[in-house]
Amino acid sequence: MSEPGVRPGGLTALAVINFVWAAFTFISGFAAVSSPFYMPALAAQAEKAAANESRPEKQKEATEAAVHMREVSNQITLHKELVMLDGGAKLVLGLLLILSGIGYLKLRRFLGRTLGLVYATVAVLWGCAVLLWVQKEMGESPGIFSLIGFIYPAVTIFALLVTFRDDFVNP
């Protein structure tokens, strides 16, 4: 514990990481929410570009990319509601990151510690739900890289419950 009312440097770093992570989360959320609207147009553009490619060595590459883009577009269209729900959840998580980051800087118990723990809990639960859904719907196991999304919520939980547990002096 540091001096009462003095913010530890680690808590400032956690706040900065929150703001950076929130930016990525907002970008991801907006992309997911809007993807059912722009993906069909992107797939059509990729198919048009592949058809217009005159070089044979590049045409095969462009055709494969267009086919992949069409498959992704079809999956997004098929699961439009869930994709938009995921985007909405990411936007809520981004908002929780911003609010808790402000709370970290101001040493606010509710705004920092409580909302930080709410963020971490919701992020872990939502991440588990998404992994289970992907495994069920796609019939494949998510890779090891899927676990990366759990690292920051775990660090947040540890930091707030152990390292900085007594530093939130403002109500």
C-alpha atoms as a PDB file:
ATOM      1  CA  MET A   1       0.000   0.000   0.000  1.00  0.00           C
ATOM      2  CA  SER A   2       1.221   3.467  -0.814  1.00  0.00           C
ATOM      3  CA  GLU A   3       0.579   6.663   1.108  1.00  0.00           C
ATOM      4  CA  PRO A   4      -3.146   7.400   1.514  1.00  0.00           C
ATOM      5  CA  GLY A   5      -4.427   9.504  -1.368  1.00  0.00           C
ATOM      6  CA  VAL A   6      -1.284   9.019  -3.483  1.00  0.00           C
ATOM      7  CA  ARG A   7      -1.850   7.012  -6.618  1.00  0.00           C
ATOM      8  CA  PRO A   8       0.690   4.215  -7.154  1.00  0.00           C
ATOM      9  CA  GLY A   9       2.507   4.218 -10.493  1.00  0.00           C
ATOM     10  CA  GLY A  10       1.247   0.736 -11.254  1.00  0.00           C
ATOM     11  CA  LEU A  11      -2.341   1.911 -10.959  1.00  0.00           C
ATOM     12  CA  THR A  12      -1.600   4.764 -13.374  1.00  0.00           C
ATOM     13  CA  ALA A  13      -0.126   2.223 -15.796  1.00  0.00           C
ATOM     14  CA  LEU A  14      -3.221   0.046 -15.399  1.00  0.00           C
ATOM     15  CA  ALA A  15      -5.395   3.070 -16.244  1.00  0.00           C
ATOM     16  CA  VAL A  16      -3.364   3.811 -19.388  1.00  0.00           C
ATOM     17  CA  ILE A  17      -3.593   0.177 -20.458  1.00  0.00           C
ATOM     18  CA  ASN A  18      -7.358   0.371 -19.859  1.00  0.00           C
ATOM     19  CA  PHE A  19      -7.654   3.344 -22.209  1.00  0.00           C
ATOM     20  CA  VAL A  20      -5.563   1.685 -24.932  1.00  0.00           C
ATOM     21  CA  TRP A  21      -7.439  -1.623 -24.566  1.00  0.00           C
ATOM     22  CA  ALA A  22     -10.736   0.316 -24.669  1.00  0.00           C
ATOM     23  CA  ALA A  23      -9.756   1.865 -27.998  1.00  0.00           C
ATOM     24  CA  PHE A  24      -9.099  -1.583 -29.499  1.00  0.00           C
ATOM     25  CA  THR A  25     -12.321  -2.910 -27.959  1.00  0.00           C
ATOM     26  CA  PHE A  26     -14.366  -0.030 -29.389  1.00  0.00           C
ATOM     27  CA  ILE A  27     -12.860  -0.536 -32.861  1.00  0.00           C
ATOM     28  CA  SER A  28     -13.598  -4.255 -32.681  1.00  0.00           C
ATOM     29  CA  GLY A  29     -17.125  -3.610 -31.405  1.00  0.00           C
ATOM     30  CA  PHE A  30     -17.960  -1.079 -34.119  1.00  0.00           C
ATOM     31  CA  ALA A  31     -16.544  -3.401 -36.775  1.00  0.00           C
ATOM     32  CA  ALA A  32     -18.654  -6.308 -35.506  1.00  0.00           C
ATOM     33  CA  VAL A  33     -21.857  -4.277 -35.202  1.00  0.00           C
ATOM     34  CA  SER A  34     -21.502  -2.876 -38.700  1.00  0.00           C
ATOM     35  CA  SER A  35     -20.095  -5.995 -40.437  1.00  0.00           C
ATOM     36  CA  PRO A  36     -23.486  -7.413 -41.527  1.00  0.00           C
ATOM     37  CA  PHE A  37     -23.950  -4.220 -43.523  1.00  0.00           C
ATOM     38  CA  TYR A  38     -20.528  -3.842 -45.174  1.00  0.00           C
ATOM     39  CA  MET A  39     -19.331  -7.443 -45.635  1.00  0.00           C
ATOM     40  CA  PRO A  40     -21.653  -8.297 -48.573  1.00  0.00           C
ATOM     41  CA  ALA A  41     -20.413  -5.198 -50.406  1.00  0.00           C
ATOM     42  CA  LEU A  42     -16.777  -6.100 -49.677  1.00  0.00           C
ATOM     43  CA  ALA A  43     -17.337  -9.652 -50.914  1.00  0.00           C
ATOM     44  CA  ALA A  44     -18.953  -8.364 -54.118  1.00  0.00           C
ATOM     45  CA  GLN A  45     -16.059  -5.953 -54.642  1.00  0.00           C
ATOM     46  CA  ALA A  46     -13.529  -8.779 -54.147  1.00  0.00           C
ATOM     47  CA  GLU A  47     -15.365 -10.955 -56.684  1.00  0.00           C
ATOM     48  CA  LYS A  48     -15.446  -8.074 -59.146  1.00  0.00           C
ATOM     49  CA  ALA A  49     -11.712  -7.455 -58.659  1.00  0.00           C
ATOM     50  CA  ALA A  50     -10.969 -11.159 -59.182  1.00  0.00           C
ATOM     51  CA  ALA A  51     -13.019 -11.226 -62.394  1.00  0.00           C
ATOM     52  CA  ASN A  52     -11.212  -8.137 -63.709  1.00  0.00           C
ATOM     53  CA  GLU A  53      -7.713  -9.443 -62.937  1.00  0.00           C
ATOM     54  CA  SER A  54      -5.957 -10.009 -66.268  1.00  0.00           C
ATOM     55  CA  ARG A  55      -2.727 -11.614 -65.034  1.00  0.00           C
ATOM     56  CA  PRO A  56      -3.206 -15.382 -64.687  1.00  0.00           C
ATOM     57  CA  GLU A  57      -0.758 -15.689 -61.783  1.00  0.00           C
ATOM     58  CA  LYS A  58      -2.668 -13.060 -59.797  1.00  0.00           C
ATOM     59  CA  GLN A  59      -6.142 -14.182 -60.864  1.00  0.00           C
ATOM     60  CA  LYS A  60      -5.948 -17.460 -58.922  1.00  0.00           C
ATOM     61  CA  GLU A  61      -4.857 -15.554 -55.812  1.00  0.00           C
ATOM     62  CA  ALA A  62      -7.626 -12.974 -56.248  1.00  0.00           C
ATOM     63  CA  THR A  63     -10.242 -15.679 -56.824  1.00  0.00           C
ATOM     64  CA  GLU A  64      -9.217 -17.528 -53.652  1.00  0.00           C
ATOM     65  CA  ALA A  65      -9.400 -14.296 -51.678  1.00  0.00           C
ATOM     66  CA  ALA A  66     -12.845 -13.530 -53.123  1.00  0.00           C
ATOM     67  CA  VAL A  67     -14.121 -17.014 -52.255  1.00  0.00           C
ATOM     68  CA  HIS A  68     -12.837 -16.631 -48.700  1.00  0.00           C
ATOM     69  CA  MET A  69     -14.422 -13.176 -48.433  1.00  0.00           C
ATOM     70  CA  ARG A  70     -17.762 -14.578 -49.655  1.00  0.00           C
ATOM     71  CA  GLU A  71     -17.593 -17.425 -47.072  1.00  0.00           C
ATOM     72  CA  VAL A  72     -16.958 -14.932 -44.267  1.00  0.00           C
ATOM     73  CA  SER A  73     -19.781 -12.728 -45.527  1.00  0.00           C
ATOM     74  CA  ASN A  74     -22.154 -15.713 -45.605  1.00  0.00           C
ATOM     75  CA  GLN A  75     -21.227 -16.706 -42.034  1.00  0.00           C
ATOM     76  CA  ILE A  76     -21.781 -13.148 -40.809  1.00  0.00           C
ATOM     77  CA  THR A  77     -25.121 -12.954 -42.620  1.00  0.00           C
ATOM     78  CA  LEU A  78     -26.177 -16.344 -41.259  1.00  0.00           C
ATOM     79  CA  HIS A  79     -25.347 -15.342 -37.668  1.00  0.00           C
ATOM     80  CA  LYS A  80     -26.109 -11.621 -37.990  1.00  0.00           C
ATOM     81  CA  GLU A  81     -27.843 -11.247 -34.622  1.00  0.00           C
ATOM     82  CA  LEU A  82     -25.052 -12.985 -32.715  1.00  0.00           C
ATOM     83  CA  VAL A  83     -22.350 -11.003 -34.501  1.00  0.00           C
ATOM     84  CA  MET A  84     -24.132  -7.773 -33.627  1.00  0.00           C
ATOM     85  CA  LEU A  85     -24.656  -8.961 -30.027  1.00  0.00           C
ATOM     86  CA  ASP A  86     -20.927  -9.641 -29.784  1.00  0.00           C
ATOM     87  CA  GLY A  87     -20.205  -6.161 -31.117  1.00  0.00           C
ATOM     88  CA  GLY A  88     -22.609  -4.634 -28.611  1.00  0.00           C
ATOM     89  CA  ALA A  89     -20.970  -6.567 -25.774  1.00  0.00           C
ATOM     90  CA  LYS A  90     -17.573  -5.269 -26.871  1.00  0.00           C
ATOM     91  CA  LEU A  91     -18.889  -1.709 -26.855  1.00  0.00           C
ATOM     92  CA  VAL A  92     -20.173  -2.187 -23.290  1.00  0.00           C
ATOM     93  CA  LEU A  93     -16.817  -3.678 -22.267  1.00  0.00           C
ATOM     94  CA  GLY A  94     -15.048  -0.690 -23.829  1.00  0.00           C
ATOM     95  CA  LEU A  95     -17.241   1.686 -21.841  1.00  0.00           C
ATOM     96  CA  LEU A  96     -16.471  -0.232 -18.628  1.00  0.00           C
ATOM     97  CA  LEU A  97     -12.752   0.028 -19.426  1.00  0.00           C
ATOM     98  CA  ILE A  98     -12.969   3.801 -19.882  1.00  0.00           C
ATOM     99  CA  LEU A  99     -15.005   4.332 -16.706  1.00  0.00           C
ATOM    100  CA  SER A 100     -12.816   2.084 -14.582  1.00  0.00           C
ATOM    101  CA  GLY A 101      -9.666   3.732 -15.988  1.00  0.00           C
ATOM    102  CA  ILE A 102     -10.997   7.104 -14.861  1.00  0.00           C
ATOM    103  CA  GLY A 103     -11.740   5.549 -11.480  1.00  0.00           C
ATOM    104  CA  TYR A 104      -8.162   4.228 -11.246  1.00  0.00           C
ATOM    105  CA  LEU A 105      -6.795   7.714 -11.846  1.00  0.00           C
ATOM    106  CA  LYS A 106      -9.121   9.286  -9.268  1.00  0.00           C
ATOM    107  CA  LEU A 107      -8.716   6.399  -6.769  1.00  0.00           C
ATOM    108  CA  ARG A 108     -12.497   5.950  -6.692  1.00  0.00           C
ATOM    109  CA  ARG A 109     -13.686   2.763  -5.006  1.00  0.00           C
ATOM    110  CA  PHE A 110     -16.851   2.296  -7.101  1.00  0.00           C
ATOM    111  CA  LEU A 111     -15.726   3.806 -10.403  1.00  0.00           C
ATOM    112  CA  GLY A 112     -12.293   2.178 -10.303  1.00  0.00           C
ATOM    113  CA  ARG A 113     -12.277  -0.972  -8.239  1.00  0.00           C
ATOM    114  CA  THR A 114     -15.905  -2.091  -8.602  1.00  0.00           C
ATOM    115  CA  LEU A 115     -16.302  -1.296 -12.305  1.00  0.00           C
ATOM    116  CA  GLY A 116     -12.842  -2.746 -13.004  1.00  0.00           C
ATOM    117  CA  LEU A 117     -13.928  -6.011 -11.401  1.00  0.00           C
ATOM    118  CA  VAL A 118     -17.248  -5.881 -13.261  1.00  0.00           C
ATOM    119  CA  TYR A 119     -15.331  -5.417 -16.524  1.00  0.00           C
ATOM    120  CA  ALA A 120     -13.011  -8.344 -15.788  1.00  0.00           C
ATOM    121  CA  THR A 121     -15.870 -10.638 -14.773  1.00  0.00           C
ATOM    122  CA  VAL A 122     -18.041  -9.773 -17.776  1.00  0.00           C
ATOM    123  CA  ALA A 123     -15.050 -10.076 -20.138  1.00  0.00           C
ATOM    124  CA  VAL A 124     -14.227 -13.567 -18.847  1.00  0.00           C
ATOM    125  CA  LEU A 125     -17.850 -14.736 -18.939  1.00  0.00           C
ATOM    126  CA  TRP A 126     -18.465 -13.266 -22.398  1.00  0.00           C
ATOM    127  CA  GLY A 127     -15.182 -14.724 -23.674  1.00  0.00           C
ATOM    128  CA  CYS A 128     -16.186 -18.188 -22.431  1.00  0.00           C
ATOM    129  CA  ALA A 129     -19.621 -17.867 -24.034  1.00  0.00           C
ATOM    130  CA  VAL A 130     -18.107 -16.822 -27.370  1.00  0.00           C
ATOM    131  CA  LEU A 131     -15.569 -19.676 -27.283  1.00  0.00           C
ATOM    132  CA  LEU A 132     -18.289 -22.221 -26.535  1.00  0.00           C
ATOM    133  CA  TRP A 133     -20.515 -20.793 -29.264  1.00  0.00           C
ATOM    134  CA  VAL A 134     -17.708 -20.890 -31.833  1.00  0.00           C
ATOM    135  CA  GLN A 135     -16.904 -24.472 -30.881  1.00  0.00           C
ATOM    136  CA  LYS A 136     -20.563 -25.500 -31.138  1.00  0.00           C
ATOM    137  CA  GLU A 137     -21.467 -23.634 -34.326  1.00  0.00           C
ATOM    138  CA  MET A 138     -18.248 -24.017 -36.275  1.00  0.00           C
ATOM    139  CA  GLY A 139     -17.483 -27.535 -35.108  1.00  0.00           C
ATOM    140  CA  GLU A 140     -13.869 -26.724 -34.422  1.00  0.00           C
ATOM    141  CA  SER A 141     -11.828 -26.053 -31.341  1.00  0.00           C
ATOM    142  CA  PRO A 142     -10.680 -22.497 -30.871  1.00  0.00           C
ATOM    143  CA  GLY A 143      -6.902 -22.256 -30.939  1.00  0.00           C
ATOM    144  CA  ILE A 144      -4.538 -21.324 -28.162  1.00  0.00           C
ATOM    145  CA  PHE A 145      -4.643 -17.716 -29.338  1.00  0.00           C
ATOM    146  CA  SER A 146      -8.262 -17.534 -28.164  1.00  0.00           C
ATOM    147  CA  LEU A 147      -6.946 -17.551 -24.616  1.00  0.00           C
ATOM    148  CA  ILE A 148      -5.063 -14.278 -25.110  1.00  0.00           C
ATOM    149  CA  GLY A 149      -8.301 -12.369 -24.505  1.00  0.00           C
ATOM    150  CA  PHE A 150      -8.387 -13.721 -20.949  1.00  0.00           C
ATOM    151  CA  ILE A 151      -4.980 -12.384 -19.934  1.00  0.00           C
ATOM    152  CA  TYR A 152      -5.893  -8.736 -19.316  1.00  0.00           C
ATOM    153  CA  PRO A 153      -9.074  -9.507 -17.329  1.00  0.00           C
ATOM    154  CA  ALA A 154      -7.037 -11.933 -15.179  1.00  0.00           C
ATOM    155  CA  VAL A 155      -4.352  -9.294 -14.611  1.00  0.00           C
ATOM    156  CA  THR A 156      -7.067  -6.781 -13.722  1.00  0.00           C
ATOM    157  CA  ILE A 157      -8.664  -9.113 -11.185  1.00  0.00           C
ATOM    158  CA  PHE A 158      -5.286  -9.847  -9.575  1.00  0.00           C
ATOM    159  CA  ALA A 159      -4.251  -6.182  -9.507  1.00  0.00           C
ATOM    160  CA  LEU A 160      -7.514  -4.955  -8.012  1.00  0.00           C
ATOM    161  CA  LEU A 161      -7.962  -7.719  -5.449  1.00  0.00           C
ATOM    162  CA  VAL A 162      -4.336  -8.139  -4.383  1.00  0.00           C
ATOM    163  CA  THR A 163      -1.919  -5.426  -5.453  1.00  0.00           C
ATOM    164  CA  PHE A 164      -4.094  -2.298  -5.192  1.00  0.00           C
ATOM    165  CA  ARG A 165      -6.791  -3.536  -2.791  1.00  0.00           C
ATOM    166  CA  ASP A 166      -6.196  -0.752  -0.239  1.00  0.00           C
ATOM    167  CA  ASP A 167      -5.410   2.114  -2.621  1.00  0.00           C
ATOM    168  CA  PHE A 168      -8.946   3.149  -3.546  1.00  0.00           C
ATOM    169  CA  VAL A 169      -9.511   5.683  -0.781  1.00  0.00           C
ATOM    170  CA  ASN A 170     -12.186   7.866  -2.421  1.00  0.00           C
ATOM    171  CA  PRO A 171     -15.801   6.663  -2.372  1.00  0.00           C
END
